[in-house]
Amino acid sequence: MTVEHPLADDYRQRVVEAVHEELARWGIDRFDVGAMAHRHGLDVDAIQRRWPDPEELILEALAHWPGADASPPDTGWLRT
């Protein structure tokens, strides 16, 4: 369960974007919160207070993946 430790919206967005970059570069298996924080100039303690479990951080970042809320294009009817 996520413990609510609010972060400023812009800082939360920076964290989510950093997670996106790290996942794209290293994948989930090699994702490391401390290394990510160091590479992106973020406070690891603030991140771990807000997301004590790295899986919760990854899940939140995936929920906000660019284009994740896009609808599929309307290509018309399948039958002609």
N, C-alpha and C. Protein backbone atom coordinates (compact mmCIF):
# COMPACT_ATOMS: atom_id res chain seq x y z
N MET A 1 0.84 -1.17 0.00
CA MET A 1 0.00 0.00 0.00
C MET A 1 0.89 1.24 0.00
N THR A 2 0.54 2.21 -0.82
CA THR A 2 1.30 3.46 -0.90
C THR A 2 0.96 4.34 0.29
N VAL A 3 1.99 4.81 0.96
CA VAL A 3 1.81 5.77 2.04
C VAL A 3 1.80 7.14 1.40
N GLU A 4 0.79 7.92 1.73
CA GLU A 4 0.67 9.23 1.10
C GLU A 4 1.68 10.21 1.68
N HIS A 5 2.66 10.53 0.90
CA HIS A 5 3.63 11.58 1.20
C HIS A 5 3.61 12.47 -0.03
N PRO A 6 2.85 13.54 0.02
CA PRO A 6 2.67 14.34 -1.19
C PRO A 6 3.98 14.96 -1.68
N LEU A 7 4.11 14.98 -2.97
CA LEU A 7 5.21 15.67 -3.62
C LEU A 7 4.59 16.75 -4.49
N ALA A 8 5.33 17.81 -4.72
CA ALA A 8 4.85 18.83 -5.64
C ALA A 8 4.62 18.18 -7.00
N ASP A 9 3.59 18.64 -7.70
CA ASP A 9 3.24 18.03 -8.99
C ASP A 9 4.40 18.03 -9.97
N ASP A 10 5.16 19.13 -10.02
CA ASP A 10 6.27 19.18 -10.97
C ASP A 10 7.37 18.20 -10.59
N TYR A 11 7.61 18.00 -9.30
CA TYR A 11 8.62 17.04 -8.86
C TYR A 11 8.16 15.61 -9.14
N ARG A 12 6.87 15.32 -8.87
CA ARG A 12 6.33 14.00 -9.17
C ARG A 12 6.46 13.71 -10.66
N GLN A 13 6.19 14.71 -11.48
CA GLN A 13 6.31 14.54 -12.93
C GLN A 13 7.76 14.26 -13.33
N ARG A 14 8.70 14.94 -12.69
CA ARG A 14 10.13 14.67 -12.97
C ARG A 14 10.48 13.23 -12.62
N VAL A 15 9.96 12.74 -11.50
CA VAL A 15 10.24 11.36 -11.09
C VAL A 15 9.65 10.39 -12.11
N VAL A 16 8.40 10.61 -12.49
CA VAL A 16 7.74 9.72 -13.46
C VAL A 16 8.50 9.72 -14.79
N GLU A 17 8.91 10.88 -15.26
CA GLU A 17 9.67 10.95 -16.51
C GLU A 17 11.02 10.24 -16.38
N ALA A 18 11.65 10.36 -15.21
CA ALA A 18 12.91 9.66 -14.98
C ALA A 18 12.69 8.15 -15.02
N VAL A 19 11.60 7.68 -14.42
CA VAL A 19 11.29 6.25 -14.47
C VAL A 19 11.09 5.81 -15.91
N HIS A 20 10.37 6.59 -16.71
CA HIS A 20 10.17 6.26 -18.12
C HIS A 20 11.51 6.08 -18.83
N GLU A 21 12.41 7.04 -18.62
CA GLU A 21 13.72 6.97 -19.27
C GLU A 21 14.51 5.75 -18.81
N GLU A 22 14.47 5.49 -17.51
CA GLU A 22 15.22 4.35 -16.97
C GLU A 22 14.66 3.02 -17.49
N LEU A 23 13.34 2.90 -17.53
CA LEU A 23 12.73 1.66 -18.03
C LEU A 23 13.05 1.46 -19.50
N ALA A 24 13.02 2.54 -20.27
CA ALA A 24 13.33 2.43 -21.69
C ALA A 24 14.80 2.05 -21.90
N ARG A 25 15.66 2.54 -21.04
CA ARG A 25 17.09 2.27 -21.20
C ARG A 25 17.51 0.93 -20.61
N TRP A 26 17.04 0.62 -19.40
CA TRP A 26 17.54 -0.54 -18.67
C TRP A 26 16.54 -1.69 -18.56
N GLY A 27 15.25 -1.40 -18.70
CA GLY A 27 14.23 -2.43 -18.52
C GLY A 27 13.87 -2.58 -17.05
N ILE A 28 12.80 -3.31 -16.80
CA ILE A 28 12.31 -3.49 -15.44
C ILE A 28 13.29 -4.29 -14.60
N ASP A 29 13.90 -5.31 -15.18
CA ASP A 29 14.80 -6.18 -14.41
C ASP A 29 16.00 -5.43 -13.84
N ARG A 30 16.47 -4.41 -14.52
CA ARG A 30 17.65 -3.67 -14.06
C ARG A 30 17.31 -2.32 -13.46
N PHE A 31 16.01 -2.05 -13.25
CA PHE A 31 15.59 -0.77 -12.68
C PHE A 31 16.04 -0.67 -11.23
N ASP A 32 16.65 0.45 -10.87
CA ASP A 32 17.13 0.68 -9.52
C ASP A 32 16.81 2.12 -9.12
N VAL A 33 16.03 2.28 -8.06
CA VAL A 33 15.58 3.61 -7.63
C VAL A 33 16.76 4.51 -7.29
N GLY A 34 17.72 4.00 -6.54
CA GLY A 34 18.87 4.80 -6.15
C GLY A 34 19.69 5.28 -7.34
N ALA A 35 19.95 4.38 -8.27
CA ALA A 35 20.71 4.74 -9.47
C ALA A 35 19.94 5.76 -10.30
N MET A 36 18.61 5.55 -10.42
CA MET A 36 17.78 6.49 -11.17
C MET A 36 17.84 7.88 -10.54
N ALA A 37 17.67 7.93 -9.22
CA ALA A 37 17.70 9.21 -8.52
C ALA A 37 19.03 9.92 -8.74
N HIS A 38 20.12 9.17 -8.65
CA HIS A 38 21.45 9.75 -8.84
C HIS A 38 21.62 10.30 -10.27
N ARG A 39 21.23 9.51 -11.26
CA ARG A 39 21.40 9.92 -12.66
C ARG A 39 20.55 11.13 -13.02
N HIS A 40 19.39 11.28 -12.37
CA HIS A 40 18.47 12.35 -12.74
C HIS A 40 18.44 13.49 -11.72
N GLY A 41 19.34 13.46 -10.74
CA GLY A 41 19.42 14.54 -9.76
C GLY A 41 18.20 14.64 -8.86
N LEU A 42 17.65 13.48 -8.48
CA LEU A 42 16.46 13.44 -7.63
C LEU A 42 16.83 12.96 -6.24
N ASP A 43 15.98 13.26 -5.27
CA ASP A 43 16.20 12.88 -3.88
C ASP A 43 15.64 11.48 -3.63
N VAL A 44 16.52 10.51 -3.46
CA VAL A 44 16.09 9.12 -3.29
C VAL A 44 15.22 8.96 -2.04
N ASP A 45 15.52 9.69 -0.98
CA ASP A 45 14.72 9.57 0.25
C ASP A 45 13.28 10.05 0.02
N ALA A 46 13.12 11.16 -0.69
CA ALA A 46 11.77 11.66 -0.99
C ALA A 46 11.01 10.66 -1.85
N ILE A 47 11.70 10.06 -2.80
CA ILE A 47 11.06 9.06 -3.67
C ILE A 47 10.63 7.86 -2.85
N GLN A 48 11.51 7.38 -1.98
CA GLN A 48 11.19 6.18 -1.20
C GLN A 48 10.14 6.45 -0.13
N ARG A 49 10.02 7.68 0.34
CA ARG A 49 8.93 8.00 1.26
C ARG A 49 7.59 7.96 0.54
N ARG A 50 7.56 8.47 -0.68
CA ARG A 50 6.30 8.50 -1.45
C ARG A 50 5.96 7.12 -2.01
N TRP A 51 6.97 6.41 -2.49
CA TRP A 51 6.78 5.07 -3.06
C TRP A 51 7.73 4.11 -2.33
N PRO A 52 7.33 3.58 -1.17
CA PRO A 52 8.22 2.69 -0.42
C PRO A 52 8.56 1.41 -1.19
N ASP A 53 7.68 1.01 -2.07
CA ASP A 53 7.89 -0.20 -2.87
C ASP A 53 8.19 0.22 -4.31
N PRO A 54 9.35 -0.14 -4.85
CA PRO A 54 9.68 0.25 -6.22
C PRO A 54 8.64 -0.20 -7.24
N GLU A 55 7.98 -1.31 -6.97
CA GLU A 55 6.94 -1.79 -7.90
C GLU A 55 5.80 -0.78 -8.01
N GLU A 56 5.45 -0.13 -6.91
CA GLU A 56 4.39 0.89 -6.94
C GLU A 56 4.82 2.09 -7.78
N LEU A 57 6.08 2.45 -7.67
CA LEU A 57 6.60 3.56 -8.47
C LEU A 57 6.54 3.20 -9.96
N ILE A 58 6.96 1.99 -10.29
CA ILE A 58 6.93 1.55 -11.69
C ILE A 58 5.49 1.51 -12.21
N LEU A 59 4.57 0.98 -11.40
CA LEU A 59 3.17 0.91 -11.83
C LEU A 59 2.59 2.29 -12.08
N GLU A 60 2.89 3.24 -11.19
CA GLU A 60 2.39 4.60 -11.40
C GLU A 60 2.98 5.20 -12.67
N ALA A 61 4.27 4.98 -12.88
CA ALA A 61 4.91 5.52 -14.08
C ALA A 61 4.32 4.89 -15.34
N LEU A 62 4.06 3.59 -15.30
CA LEU A 62 3.47 2.93 -16.47
C LEU A 62 2.06 3.44 -16.75
N ALA A 63 1.33 3.77 -15.69
CA ALA A 63 -0.02 4.32 -15.86
C ALA A 63 0.02 5.69 -16.52
N HIS A 64 1.15 6.37 -16.43
CA HIS A 64 1.30 7.70 -17.02
C HIS A 64 2.27 7.68 -18.20
N TRP A 65 2.44 6.52 -18.81
CA TRP A 65 3.34 6.40 -19.97
C TRP A 65 2.80 7.26 -21.10
N PRO A 66 3.66 7.99 -21.80
CA PRO A 66 3.17 8.84 -22.89
C PRO A 66 2.36 8.03 -23.91
N GLY A 67 1.17 8.52 -24.20
CA GLY A 67 0.30 7.85 -25.16
C GLY A 67 -0.55 6.75 -24.57
N ALA A 68 -0.40 6.48 -23.27
CA ALA A 68 -1.14 5.39 -22.65
C ALA A 68 -2.63 5.67 -22.62
N ASP A 69 -3.02 6.93 -22.66
CA ASP A 69 -4.43 7.27 -22.61
C ASP A 69 -5.03 7.54 -23.99
N ALA A 70 -4.24 7.31 -25.03
CA ALA A 70 -4.71 7.57 -26.38
C ALA A 70 -5.69 6.48 -26.83
N SER A 71 -6.70 6.90 -27.51
CA SER A 71 -7.67 5.96 -28.06
C SER A 71 -7.12 5.38 -29.37
N PRO A 72 -7.51 4.16 -29.69
CA PRO A 72 -7.08 3.63 -30.98
C PRO A 72 -7.72 4.44 -32.11
N PRO A 73 -7.05 4.56 -33.23
CA PRO A 73 -7.60 5.37 -34.31
C PRO A 73 -8.87 4.73 -34.89
N ASP A 74 -9.78 5.57 -35.32
CA ASP A 74 -10.99 5.09 -35.98
C ASP A 74 -10.64 4.81 -37.43
N THR A 75 -10.60 3.54 -37.79
CA THR A 75 -10.23 3.16 -39.15
C THR A 75 -11.44 2.70 -39.95
N GLY A 76 -12.62 2.90 -39.42
CA GLY A 76 -13.83 2.53 -40.14
C GLY A 76 -14.29 1.13 -39.82
N TRP A 77 -15.20 0.63 -40.62
CA TRP A 77 -15.76 -0.70 -40.42
C TRP A 77 -14.78 -1.77 -40.86
N LEU A 78 -14.85 -2.92 -40.21
CA LEU A 78 -14.02 -4.05 -40.61
C LEU A 78 -14.54 -4.69 -41.89
N ARG A 79 -15.84 -4.67 -42.06
CA ARG A 79 -16.44 -5.26 -43.26
C ARG A 79 -16.62 -4.18 -44.33
N THR A 80 -16.48 -4.57 -45.55
CA THR A 80 -16.68 -3.61 -46.65
C THR A 80 -17.94 -3.90 -47.42
